[in-house]
Amino acid sequence: MIDIRETILAQYANSPALTGIIERFNAAADPRRIIDLFLHDVWNPLTATGWGLDVWGRIVGAGRVLKIDTVGYWGFSQGYPSSRTFGEGIWYSGQAAASNYALSDEAYRQLIFAKAAANISDGSIADINRILMILFGNKGRCYVANTSDHTMMIVFSFQPTPVDVALIASGVLPRPSGVKYRYAFIPPTENDFENDIL
């Protein structure tokens, strides 16, 4: 209770032992601190941490642990951003070599918001670009381009990390029916930096 003295009978109000016991019990049983803690750490996705974010992840359908390719396979970066080139990678044998990676709270929060946006998305290029900005807006330019051949190309102006690739592969982006994703890495040029400044 907020004012415990109103509940104490007048004849006991001047007893320091009795009022001390009642005040300590009131402080221990006061639910305001627990409710504030619950609202901050679980209920609000902007401030949730740990278990609270795991609850939000289950609600929107996004897991904290991602499978990341640990071995780079031979290929071209247009096909898959972590592909290796001549003398660097191995041929794909049909068995993926992957390890589990648990996202930090901040990265997982971004994934939760991206998945929540994908859950209510209409699958348009504008919506997919918004989701990419939630995921990668602080790393550089990343956008979806329609290639008019039943594929959508995700264009990175930065080198995506294996975690970035795993985020895309986790199914967070909505995919229109019959459309496949491809990847392209286009290094930023000096003109890109000049345009950013202007």
Foldseek 3Di string as FASTA:
>chain_A
DVDCLVVDDPVCSPPPVVVVVVVVVCVVPPCPVVVVVCCQQAVDLVRHADPNLCVLCVVLVHDQKFKFQPFAADDDCQAPLSHDYPPRHHHDPPDTDTDIDGHHSVLSSLLSVLSNLQVPDPQDQVSQLVSVCSNCVVPADWGWDDPPPLEIEIEAQDRDDRVRRRSVVRCSHDHPPSHYYTYYYHHDDPVVVVVVVD
